[in-house]
Amino acid sequence: MSTQTGNDKEKDVYLDALKAQGAELLADHPAEGTIEHARLSLIDAKIEQLTRPITADSWKTPEY
């Protein structure tokens, strides 16, 4: 159980770092088409991936 807690803490630290980087980039108002804008989009996608709830509705048993 302590491993899960450790993984959660690592995930929280990583998420906080992503949010800080995103906020810093957003404050600079990167122009569309620049590397900074692309990086901001990537950070946004990573944050969404980490915070989106996992749903099992679409999971199906493989058919053999």
N, C-alpha and C. Protein backbone atom coordinates (compact mmCIF):
# COMPACT_ATOMS: atom_id res chain seq x y z
N MET A 1 0.82 -1.19 0.00
CA MET A 1 0.00 0.00 0.00
C MET A 1 0.86 1.26 0.00
N SER A 2 2.01 1.21 0.60
CA SER A 2 2.88 2.38 0.62
C SER A 2 3.39 2.71 -0.77
N THR A 3 3.52 1.70 -1.65
CA THR A 3 3.95 1.94 -3.01
C THR A 3 2.93 2.80 -3.75
N GLN A 4 1.66 2.49 -3.56
CA GLN A 4 0.61 3.28 -4.20
C GLN A 4 0.66 4.73 -3.73
N THR A 5 0.84 4.91 -2.44
CA THR A 5 0.94 6.26 -1.89
C THR A 5 2.14 6.99 -2.47
N GLY A 6 3.27 6.28 -2.60
CA GLY A 6 4.46 6.87 -3.19
C GLY A 6 4.23 7.27 -4.63
N ASN A 7 3.54 6.41 -5.39
CA ASN A 7 3.24 6.73 -6.79
C ASN A 7 2.30 7.93 -6.88
N ASP A 8 1.34 8.01 -5.97
CA ASP A 8 0.42 9.15 -5.96
C ASP A 8 1.17 10.44 -5.67
N LYS A 9 2.11 10.39 -4.75
CA LYS A 9 2.89 11.59 -4.41
C LYS A 9 3.74 12.02 -5.59
N GLU A 10 4.35 11.05 -6.28
CA GLU A 10 5.16 11.36 -7.46
C GLU A 10 4.28 11.98 -8.54
N LYS A 11 3.09 11.42 -8.72
CA LYS A 11 2.15 11.94 -9.71
C LYS A 11 1.75 13.37 -9.35
N ASP A 12 1.50 13.62 -8.07
CA ASP A 12 1.11 14.97 -7.64
C ASP A 12 2.24 15.97 -7.87
N VAL A 13 3.47 15.57 -7.59
CA VAL A 13 4.62 16.45 -7.80
C VAL A 13 4.77 16.75 -9.29
N TYR A 14 4.62 15.73 -10.12
CA TYR A 14 4.73 15.90 -11.57
C TYR A 14 3.61 16.81 -12.08
N LEU A 15 2.39 16.59 -11.59
CA LEU A 15 1.25 17.41 -11.99
C LEU A 15 1.45 18.86 -11.58
N ASP A 16 1.92 19.09 -10.37
CA ASP A 16 2.20 20.45 -9.91
C ASP A 16 3.26 21.12 -10.77
N ALA A 17 4.29 20.36 -11.16
CA ALA A 17 5.34 20.91 -12.02
C ALA A 17 4.79 21.27 -13.39
N LEU A 18 3.92 20.40 -13.94
CA LEU A 18 3.31 20.71 -15.23
C LEU A 18 2.45 21.96 -15.16
N LYS A 19 1.67 22.08 -14.08
CA LYS A 19 0.83 23.26 -13.92
C LYS A 19 1.66 24.53 -13.82
N ALA A 20 2.77 24.46 -13.11
CA ALA A 20 3.65 25.63 -12.98
C ALA A 20 4.26 26.01 -14.32
N GLN A 21 4.71 25.02 -15.07
CA GLN A 21 5.28 25.29 -16.39
C GLN A 21 4.23 25.87 -17.32
N GLY A 22 3.03 25.31 -17.27
CA GLY A 22 1.94 25.81 -18.11
C GLY A 22 1.57 27.23 -17.76
N ALA A 23 1.51 27.53 -16.47
CA ALA A 23 1.18 28.89 -16.04
C ALA A 23 2.24 29.88 -16.50
N GLU A 24 3.48 29.48 -16.42
CA GLU A 24 4.58 30.35 -16.84
C GLU A 24 4.50 30.64 -18.35
N LEU A 25 4.25 29.58 -19.12
CA LEU A 25 4.13 29.77 -20.57
C LEU A 25 2.90 30.60 -20.92
N LEU A 26 1.80 30.35 -20.22
CA LEU A 26 0.57 31.08 -20.49
C LEU A 26 0.73 32.57 -20.19
N ALA A 27 1.49 32.89 -19.18
CA ALA A 27 1.73 34.29 -18.81
C ALA A 27 2.49 35.03 -19.91
N ASP A 28 3.29 34.27 -20.68
CA ASP A 28 4.06 34.88 -21.77
C ASP A 28 3.24 35.06 -23.05
N HIS A 29 2.01 34.55 -23.09
CA HIS A 29 1.12 34.64 -24.25
C HIS A 29 1.82 34.21 -25.54
N PRO A 30 2.18 32.92 -25.64
CA PRO A 30 2.88 32.48 -26.84
C PRO A 30 2.00 32.58 -28.09
N ALA A 31 2.58 33.03 -29.17
CA ALA A 31 1.85 33.14 -30.43
C ALA A 31 1.62 31.76 -31.02
N GLU A 32 0.46 31.60 -31.67
CA GLU A 32 0.14 30.32 -32.29
C GLU A 32 1.17 30.01 -33.37
N GLY A 33 1.57 28.76 -33.41
CA GLY A 33 2.55 28.33 -34.40
C GLY A 33 3.98 28.35 -33.89
N THR A 34 4.18 28.82 -32.65
CA THR A 34 5.53 28.85 -32.09
C THR A 34 5.77 27.59 -31.26
N ILE A 35 7.01 27.33 -30.98
CA ILE A 35 7.38 26.17 -30.16
C ILE A 35 6.76 26.29 -28.77
N GLU A 36 6.74 27.50 -28.24
CA GLU A 36 6.18 27.70 -26.90
C GLU A 36 4.69 27.38 -26.87
N HIS A 37 3.97 27.72 -27.94
CA HIS A 37 2.54 27.42 -28.03
C HIS A 37 2.33 25.91 -28.12
N ALA A 38 3.15 25.24 -28.89
CA ALA A 38 3.05 23.78 -29.00
C ALA A 38 3.36 23.12 -27.67
N ARG A 39 4.35 23.64 -26.98
CA ARG A 39 4.70 23.10 -25.66
C ARG A 39 3.55 23.30 -24.66
N LEU A 40 2.90 24.44 -24.73
CA LEU A 40 1.75 24.71 -23.86
C LEU A 40 0.62 23.72 -24.16
N SER A 41 0.40 23.43 -25.42
CA SER A 41 -0.63 22.45 -25.81
C SER A 41 -0.29 21.06 -25.29
N LEU A 42 0.98 20.70 -25.36
CA LEU A 42 1.41 19.40 -24.87
C LEU A 42 1.23 19.30 -23.35
N ILE A 43 1.60 20.36 -22.65
CA ILE A 43 1.43 20.39 -21.20
C ILE A 43 -0.04 20.27 -20.83
N ASP A 44 -0.89 20.97 -21.57
CA ASP A 44 -2.33 20.91 -21.33
C ASP A 44 -2.86 19.48 -21.53
N ALA A 45 -2.40 18.82 -22.57
CA ALA A 45 -2.82 17.44 -22.83
C ALA A 45 -2.35 16.49 -21.73
N LYS A 46 -1.13 16.69 -21.26
CA LYS A 46 -0.61 15.83 -20.18
C LYS A 46 -1.41 16.04 -18.89
N ILE A 47 -1.75 17.29 -18.58
CA ILE A 47 -2.54 17.58 -17.39
C ILE A 47 -3.91 16.92 -17.50
N GLU A 48 -4.52 17.03 -18.66
CA GLU A 48 -5.84 16.41 -18.85
C GLU A 48 -5.75 14.89 -18.70
N GLN A 49 -4.71 14.29 -19.25
CA GLN A 49 -4.53 12.85 -19.16
C GLN A 49 -4.38 12.41 -17.71
N LEU A 50 -3.66 13.18 -16.91
CA LEU A 50 -3.43 12.82 -15.52
C LEU A 50 -4.65 13.06 -14.63
N THR A 51 -5.50 13.99 -15.01
CA THR A 51 -6.62 14.35 -14.14
C THR A 51 -7.96 13.80 -14.61
N ARG A 52 -8.03 13.26 -15.81
CA ARG A 52 -9.28 12.72 -16.34
C ARG A 52 -9.61 11.41 -15.63
N PRO A 53 -10.85 11.25 -15.21
CA PRO A 53 -11.21 9.99 -14.55
C PRO A 53 -11.18 8.83 -15.54
N ILE A 54 -10.80 7.69 -15.05
CA ILE A 54 -10.75 6.48 -15.88
C ILE A 54 -12.14 5.86 -15.87
N THR A 55 -12.67 5.62 -17.06
CA THR A 55 -13.97 4.98 -17.16
C THR A 55 -13.81 3.63 -17.84
N ALA A 56 -14.63 2.70 -17.44
CA ALA A 56 -14.54 1.35 -18.00
C ALA A 56 -15.73 1.02 -18.89
N ASP A 57 -16.56 1.98 -19.20
CA ASP A 57 -17.73 1.72 -20.03
C ASP A 57 -17.39 1.19 -21.41
N SER A 58 -16.34 1.68 -22.00
CA SER A 58 -16.01 1.28 -23.36
C SER A 58 -15.10 0.05 -23.42
N TRP A 59 -14.67 -0.44 -22.27
CA TRP A 59 -13.81 -1.62 -22.27
C TRP A 59 -14.65 -2.85 -22.59
N LYS A 60 -14.10 -3.69 -23.43
CA LYS A 60 -14.80 -4.93 -23.80
C LYS A 60 -13.84 -6.10 -23.64
N THR A 61 -14.42 -7.25 -23.40
CA THR A 61 -13.62 -8.47 -23.34
C THR A 61 -13.19 -8.82 -24.76
N PRO A 62 -11.91 -9.12 -24.96
CA PRO A 62 -11.45 -9.46 -26.32
C PRO A 62 -12.16 -10.71 -26.83
N GLU A 63 -12.52 -10.67 -28.10
CA GLU A 63 -13.15 -11.83 -28.73
C GLU A 63 -12.08 -12.61 -29.47
N TYR A 64 -12.02 -13.89 -29.21
CA TYR A 64 -11.00 -14.75 -29.84
C TYR A 64 -11.62 -15.63 -30.88
